[in-house]
């Protein structure tokens, strides 16, 4: 499986959806995440992507301590 290509396609699709939502009067709901709106999902995925970038950048092989 082409993991990088898959990630790039998913990231591009998510970015396009977030940009469409940014132009809406109110943040759209996220059907697969009850009680969340697109703003919540953007913040969550941003945190996930930063964590993964840290893990890859530091070549982490075990648990990492939480940063304050």
PDB file of N, CA and C in Angstrom:
ATOM      1  N   UNK A   1       0.847  -1.179   0.000  1.00  0.00           N
ATOM      2  CA  UNK A   1       0.000   0.000   0.000  1.00  0.00           C
ATOM      3  C   UNK A   1       0.892   1.242   0.000  1.00  0.00           C
ATOM      4  N   UNK A   2       0.460   2.230  -0.738  1.00  0.00           N
ATOM      5  CA  UNK A   2       1.179   3.504  -0.828  1.00  0.00           C
ATOM      6  C   UNK A   2       0.699   4.409   0.311  1.00  0.00           C
ATOM      7  N   UNK A   3       1.317   4.271   1.482  1.00  0.00           N
ATOM      8  CA  UNK A   3       0.869   5.010   2.658  1.00  0.00           C
ATOM      9  C   UNK A   3       1.026   6.515   2.484  1.00  0.00           C
ATOM     10  N   UNK A   4       2.134   6.954   1.911  1.00  0.00           N
ATOM     11  CA  UNK A   4       2.360   8.389   1.740  1.00  0.00           C
ATOM     12  C   UNK A   4       1.331   8.963   0.773  1.00  0.00           C
ATOM     13  N   UNK A   5       1.115   8.286  -0.331  1.00  0.00           N
ATOM     14  CA  UNK A   5       0.121   8.759  -1.296  1.00  0.00           C
ATOM     15  C   UNK A   5      -1.268   8.805  -0.688  1.00  0.00           C
ATOM     16  N   UNK A   6      -1.610   7.775   0.074  1.00  0.00           N
ATOM     17  CA  UNK A   6      -2.919   7.736   0.739  1.00  0.00           C
ATOM     18  C   UNK A   6      -3.048   8.903   1.715  1.00  0.00           C
ATOM     19  N   UNK A   7      -2.027   9.132   2.526  1.00  0.00           N
ATOM     20  CA  UNK A   7      -2.060  10.235   3.482  1.00  0.00           C
ATOM     21  C   UNK A   7      -2.201  11.569   2.753  1.00  0.00           C
ATOM     22  N   UNK A   8      -1.449  11.754   1.682  1.00  0.00           N
ATOM     23  CA  UNK A   8      -1.520  13.010   0.934  1.00  0.00           C
ATOM     24  C   UNK A   8      -2.921  13.248   0.379  1.00  0.00           C
ATOM     25  N   UNK A   9      -3.555  12.199  -0.147  1.00  0.00           N
ATOM     26  CA  UNK A   9      -4.916  12.346  -0.681  1.00  0.00           C
ATOM     27  C   UNK A   9      -5.908  12.683   0.435  1.00  0.00           C
ATOM     28  N   UNK A  10      -5.791  11.981   1.562  1.00  0.00           N
ATOM     29  CA  UNK A  10      -6.704  12.239   2.685  1.00  0.00           C
ATOM     30  C   UNK A  10      -6.497  13.635   3.256  1.00  0.00           C
ATOM     31  N   UNK A  11      -5.243  14.048   3.390  1.00  0.00           N
ATOM     32  CA  UNK A  11      -4.953  15.384   3.916  1.00  0.00           C
ATOM     33  C   UNK A  11      -5.501  16.457   2.978  1.00  0.00           C
ATOM     34  N   UNK A  12      -5.358  16.259   1.669  1.00  0.00           N
ATOM     35  CA  UNK A  12      -5.871  17.230   0.701  1.00  0.00           C
ATOM     36  C   UNK A  12      -7.396  17.290   0.743  1.00  0.00           C
ATOM     37  N   UNK A  13      -8.041  16.144   0.864  1.00  0.00           N
ATOM     38  CA  UNK A  13      -9.510  16.121   0.952  1.00  0.00           C
ATOM     39  C   UNK A  13      -9.985  16.796   2.230  1.00  0.00           C
ATOM     40  N   UNK A  14      -9.282  16.562   3.331  1.00  0.00           N
ATOM     41  CA  UNK A  14      -9.653  17.197   4.593  1.00  0.00           C
ATOM     42  C   UNK A  14      -9.467  18.708   4.515  1.00  0.00           C
ATOM     43  N   UNK A  15      -8.362  19.127   3.923  1.00  0.00           N
ATOM     44  CA  UNK A  15      -8.126  20.569   3.772  1.00  0.00           C
ATOM     45  C   UNK A  15      -9.238  21.217   2.942  1.00  0.00           C
ATOM     46  N   UNK A  16      -9.627  20.574   1.855  1.00  0.00           N
ATOM     47  CA  UNK A  16     -10.697  21.118   1.012  1.00  0.00           C
ATOM     48  C   UNK A  16     -12.005  21.223   1.796  1.00  0.00           C
ATOM     49  N   UNK A  17     -12.324  20.205   2.586  1.00  0.00           N
ATOM     50  CA  UNK A  17     -13.552  20.237   3.394  1.00  0.00           C
ATOM     51  C   UNK A  17     -13.483  21.333   4.447  1.00  0.00           C
ATOM     52  N   UNK A  18     -12.324  21.503   5.069  1.00  0.00           N
ATOM     53  CA  UNK A  18     -12.172  22.548   6.085  1.00  0.00           C
ATOM     54  C   UNK A  18     -12.305  23.932   5.461  1.00  0.00           C
ATOM     55  N   UNK A  19     -11.763  24.111   4.269  1.00  0.00           N
ATOM     56  CA  UNK A  19     -11.886  25.410   3.590  1.00  0.00           C
ATOM     57  C   UNK A  19     -13.342  25.699   3.225  1.00  0.00           C
ATOM     58  N   UNK A  20     -14.074  24.670   2.771  1.00  0.00           N
ATOM     59  CA  UNK A  20     -15.502  24.878   2.480  1.00  0.00           C
ATOM     60  C   UNK A  20     -16.245  25.254   3.756  1.00  0.00           C
ATOM     61  N   UNK A  21     -15.924  24.583   4.855  1.00  0.00           N
ATOM     62  CA  UNK A  21     -16.582  24.860   6.131  1.00  0.00           C
ATOM     63  C   UNK A  21     -16.262  26.264   6.615  1.00  0.00           C
ATOM     64  N   UNK A  22     -15.050  26.744   6.334  1.00  0.00           N
ATOM     65  CA  UNK A  22     -14.656  28.085   6.778  1.00  0.00           C
ATOM     66  C   UNK A  22     -15.528  29.160   6.136  1.00  0.00           C
ATOM     67  N   UNK A  23     -16.058  28.867   4.967  1.00  0.00           N
ATOM     68  CA  UNK A  23     -16.917  29.827   4.291  1.00  0.00           C
ATOM     69  C   UNK A  23     -18.373  29.738   4.703  1.00  0.00           C
ATOM     70  N   UNK A  24     -18.709  28.803   5.547  1.00  0.00           N
ATOM     71  CA  UNK A  24     -20.102  28.625   5.976  1.00  0.00           C
ATOM     72  C   UNK A  24     -20.444  29.606   7.097  1.00  0.00           C
ATOM     73  N   UNK A  25     -21.724  29.868   7.277  1.00  0.00           N
ATOM     74  CA  UNK A  25     -22.163  30.766   8.352  1.00  0.00           C
ATOM     75  C   UNK A  25     -21.864  30.184   9.728  1.00  0.00           C
ATOM     76  N   UNK A  26     -22.037  28.887   9.877  1.00  0.00           N
ATOM     77  CA  UNK A  26     -21.765  28.204  11.144  1.00  0.00           C
ATOM     78  C   UNK A  26     -20.962  26.945  10.830  1.00  0.00           C
ATOM     79  N   UNK A  27     -20.154  26.542  11.768  1.00  0.00           N
ATOM     80  CA  UNK A  27     -19.341  25.343  11.554  1.00  0.00           C
ATOM     81  C   UNK A  27     -20.254  24.134  11.374  1.00  0.00           C
ATOM     82  N   UNK A  28     -20.104  23.412  10.264  1.00  0.00           N
ATOM     83  CA  UNK A  28     -20.945  22.233  10.028  1.00  0.00           C
ATOM     84  C   UNK A  28     -20.663  21.125  11.040  1.00  0.00           C
ATOM     85  N   UNK A  29     -21.690  20.337  11.311  1.00  0.00           N
ATOM     86  CA  UNK A  29     -21.533  19.185  12.198  1.00  0.00           C
ATOM     87  C   UNK A  29     -20.730  18.100  11.484  1.00  0.00           C
ATOM     88  N   UNK A  30     -20.110  17.234  12.274  1.00  0.00           N
ATOM     89  CA  UNK A  30     -19.349  16.108  11.733  1.00  0.00           C
ATOM     90  C   UNK A  30     -20.189  14.858  11.984  1.00  0.00           C
ATOM     91  N   UNK A  31     -20.810  14.300  10.938  1.00  0.00           N
ATOM     92  CA  UNK A  31     -21.726  13.171  11.125  1.00  0.00           C
ATOM     93  C   UNK A  31     -21.122  11.969  11.846  1.00  0.00           C
ATOM     94  N   UNK A  32     -19.856  11.694  11.615  1.00  0.00           N
ATOM     95  CA  UNK A  32     -19.242  10.514  12.233  1.00  0.00           C
ATOM     96  C   UNK A  32     -18.722  10.779  13.650  1.00  0.00           C
ATOM     97  N   UNK A  33     -18.793  12.028  14.091  1.00  0.00           N
ATOM     98  CA  UNK A  33     -18.338  12.397  15.442  1.00  0.00           C
ATOM     99  C   UNK A  33     -19.446  13.188  16.130  1.00  0.00           C
ATOM    100  N   UNK A  34     -20.399  12.503  16.760  1.00  0.00           N
ATOM    101  CA  UNK A  34     -21.514  13.207  17.390  1.00  0.00           C
ATOM    102  C   UNK A  34     -21.032  14.316  18.331  1.00  0.00           C
ATOM    103  N   UNK A  35     -21.721  15.415  18.292  1.00  0.00           N
ATOM    104  CA  UNK A  35     -21.471  16.598  19.125  1.00  0.00           C
ATOM    105  C   UNK A  35     -20.232  17.386  18.701  1.00  0.00           C
ATOM    106  N   UNK A  36     -19.592  17.023  17.601  1.00  0.00           N
ATOM    107  CA  UNK A  36     -18.446  17.772  17.098  1.00  0.00           C
ATOM    108  C   UNK A  36     -18.860  18.575  15.882  1.00  0.00           C
ATOM    109  N   UNK A  37     -18.210  19.721  15.710  1.00  0.00           N
ATOM    110  CA  UNK A  37     -18.329  20.504  14.478  1.00  0.00           C
ATOM    111  C   UNK A  37     -16.957  20.482  13.814  1.00  0.00           C
ATOM    112  N   UNK A  38     -16.892  20.976  12.593  1.00  0.00           N
ATOM    113  CA  UNK A  38     -15.648  20.913  11.832  1.00  0.00           C
ATOM    114  C   UNK A  38     -14.493  21.579  12.583  1.00  0.00           C
ATOM    115  N   UNK A  39     -14.765  22.633  13.321  1.00  0.00           N
ATOM    116  CA  UNK A  39     -13.714  23.301  14.100  1.00  0.00           C
ATOM    117  C   UNK A  39     -13.064  22.324  15.075  1.00  0.00           C
ATOM    118  N   UNK A  40     -13.862  21.524  15.765  1.00  0.00           N
ATOM    119  CA  UNK A  40     -13.326  20.532  16.705  1.00  0.00           C
ATOM    120  C   UNK A  40     -12.434  19.532  15.975  1.00  0.00           C
ATOM    121  N   UNK A  41     -12.890  19.097  14.820  1.00  0.00           N
ATOM    122  CA  UNK A  41     -12.135  18.101  14.053  1.00  0.00           C
ATOM    123  C   UNK A  41     -10.821  18.672  13.537  1.00  0.00           C
ATOM    124  N   UNK A  42     -10.842  19.923  13.074  1.00  0.00           N
ATOM    125  CA  UNK A  42      -9.613  20.569  12.592  1.00  0.00           C
ATOM    126  C   UNK A  42      -8.599  20.666  13.729  1.00  0.00           C
ATOM    127  N   UNK A  43      -9.030  21.092  14.900  1.00  0.00           N
ATOM    128  CA  UNK A  43      -8.126  21.199  16.049  1.00  0.00           C
ATOM    129  C   UNK A  43      -7.565  19.830  16.438  1.00  0.00           C
ATOM    130  N   UNK A  44      -8.435  18.826  16.473  1.00  0.00           N
ATOM    131  CA  UNK A  44      -8.008  17.473  16.845  1.00  0.00           C
ATOM    132  C   UNK A  44      -6.968  16.930  15.862  1.00  0.00           C
ATOM    133  N   UNK A  45      -7.271  17.017  14.577  1.00  0.00           N
ATOM    134  CA  UNK A  45      -6.333  16.481  13.584  1.00  0.00           C
ATOM    135  C   UNK A  45      -5.034  17.267  13.552  1.00  0.00           C
ATOM    136  N   UNK A  46      -5.109  18.564  13.834  1.00  0.00           N
ATOM    137  CA  UNK A  46      -3.876  19.352  13.918  1.00  0.00           C
ATOM    138  C   UNK A  46      -2.980  18.837  15.025  1.00  0.00           C
ATOM    139  N   UNK A  47      -3.572  18.520  16.176  1.00  0.00           N
ATOM    140  CA  UNK A  47      -2.788  17.980  17.290  1.00  0.00           C
ATOM    141  C   UNK A  47      -2.202  16.612  16.928  1.00  0.00           C
ATOM    142  N   UNK A  48      -3.003  15.787  16.276  1.00  0.00           N
ATOM    143  CA  UNK A  48      -2.527  14.456  15.872  1.00  0.00           C
ATOM    144  C   UNK A  48      -1.359  14.581  14.895  1.00  0.00           C
ATOM    145  N   UNK A  49      -1.491  15.454  13.909  1.00  0.00           N
ATOM    146  CA  UNK A  49      -0.429  15.607  12.913  1.00  0.00           C
ATOM    147  C   UNK A  49       0.846  16.157  13.547  1.00  0.00           C
ATOM    148  N   UNK A  50       0.719  17.077  14.497  1.00  0.00           N
ATOM    149  CA  UNK A  50       1.917  17.584  15.183  1.00  0.00           C
ATOM    150  C   UNK A  50       2.592  16.472  15.983  1.00  0.00           C
ATOM    151  N   UNK A  51       1.791  15.624  16.639  1.00  0.00           N
ATOM    152  CA  UNK A  51       2.355  14.517  17.401  1.00  0.00           C
ATOM    153  C   UNK A  51       3.088  13.543  16.480  1.00  0.00           C
ATOM    154  N   UNK A  52       2.479  13.203  15.367  1.00  0.00           N
ATOM    155  CA  UNK A  52       3.113  12.271  14.433  1.00  0.00           C
ATOM    156  C   UNK A  52       4.395  12.889  13.868  1.00  0.00           C
ATOM    157  N   UNK A  53       4.367  14.168  13.542  1.00  0.00           N
ATOM    158  CA  UNK A  53       5.572  14.829  13.037  1.00  0.00           C
ATOM    159  C   UNK A  53       6.682  14.782  14.081  1.00  0.00           C
ATOM    160  N   UNK A  54       6.322  14.956  15.343  1.00  0.00           N
ATOM    161  CA  UNK A  54       7.313  14.864  16.428  1.00  0.00           C
ATOM    162  C   UNK A  54       7.876  13.451  16.522  1.00  0.00           C
ATOM    163  N   UNK A  55       7.004  12.449  16.491  1.00  0.00           N
ATOM    164  CA  UNK A  55       7.453  11.062  16.586  1.00  0.00           C
ATOM    165  C   UNK A  55       8.399  10.702  15.448  1.00  0.00           C
ATOM    166  N   UNK A  56       8.056  11.124  14.251  1.00  0.00           N
ATOM    167  CA  UNK A  56       8.896  10.826  13.094  1.00  0.00           C
ATOM    168  C   UNK A  56      10.197  11.625  13.171  1.00  0.00           C
ATOM    169  N   UNK A  57      10.082  12.913  13.499  1.00  0.00           N
ATOM    170  CA  UNK A  57      11.260  13.769  13.559  1.00  0.00           C
ATOM    171  C   UNK A  57      12.265  13.325  14.605  1.00  0.00           C
ATOM    172  N   UNK A  58      11.769  12.834  15.736  1.00  0.00           N
ATOM    173  CA  UNK A  58      12.654  12.379  16.810  1.00  0.00           C
ATOM    174  C   UNK A  58      12.979  10.892  16.711  1.00  0.00           C
ATOM    175  N   UNK A  59      12.397  10.238  15.699  1.00  0.00           N
ATOM    176  CA  UNK A  59      12.590   8.790  15.506  1.00  0.00           C
ATOM    177  C   UNK A  59      12.267   8.016  16.779  1.00  0.00           C
ATOM    178  N   UNK A  60      11.187   8.407  17.402  1.00  0.00           N
ATOM    179  CA  UNK A  60      10.765   7.801  18.661  1.00  0.00           C
ATOM    180  C   UNK A  60      10.380   6.345  18.462  1.00  0.00           C
ATOM    181  N   UNK A  61      10.836   5.495  19.383  1.00  0.00           N
ATOM    182  CA  UNK A  61      10.528   4.072  19.291  1.00  0.00           C
ATOM    183  C   UNK A  61       9.735   3.581  20.479  1.00  0.00           C
ATOM    184  N   UNK A  62       9.459   4.418  21.422  1.00  0.00           N
ATOM    185  CA  UNK A  62       8.705   4.018  22.614  1.00  0.00           C
ATOM    186  C   UNK A  62       7.735   5.116  23.008  1.00  0.00           C
ATOM    187  N   UNK A  63       7.222   4.983  24.214  1.00  0.00           N
ATOM    188  CA  UNK A  63       6.306   6.009  24.716  1.00  0.00           C
ATOM    189  C   UNK A  63       7.044   7.327  24.875  1.00  0.00           C
ATOM    190  N   UNK A  64       6.347   8.404  24.635  1.00  0.00           N
ATOM    191  CA  UNK A  64       6.959   9.715  24.826  1.00  0.00           C
ATOM    192  C   UNK A  64       6.268  10.403  26.005  1.00  0.00           C
ATOM    193  N   UNK A  65       7.034  11.153  26.780  1.00  0.00           N
ATOM    194  CA  UNK A  65       6.399  11.879  27.880  1.00  0.00           C
ATOM    195  C   UNK A  65       5.571  13.032  27.337  1.00  0.00           C
ATOM    196  N   UNK A  66       4.483  13.334  28.043  1.00  0.00           N
ATOM    197  CA  UNK A  66       3.662  14.476  27.643  1.00  0.00           C
ATOM    198  C   UNK A  66       4.409  15.761  27.918  1.00  0.00           C
ATOM    199  N   UNK A  67       4.284  16.694  27.018  1.00  0.00           N
ATOM    200  CA  UNK A  67       4.871  18.010  27.235  1.00  0.00           C
ATOM    201  C   UNK A  67       3.818  18.880  27.904  1.00  0.00           C
ATOM    202  N   UNK A  68       4.254  19.716  28.822  1.00  0.00           N
ATOM    203  CA  UNK A  68       3.270  20.601  29.492  1.00  0.00           C
ATOM    204  C   UNK A  68       2.660  21.591  28.551  1.00  0.00           C
TER     205      UNK A  68
END
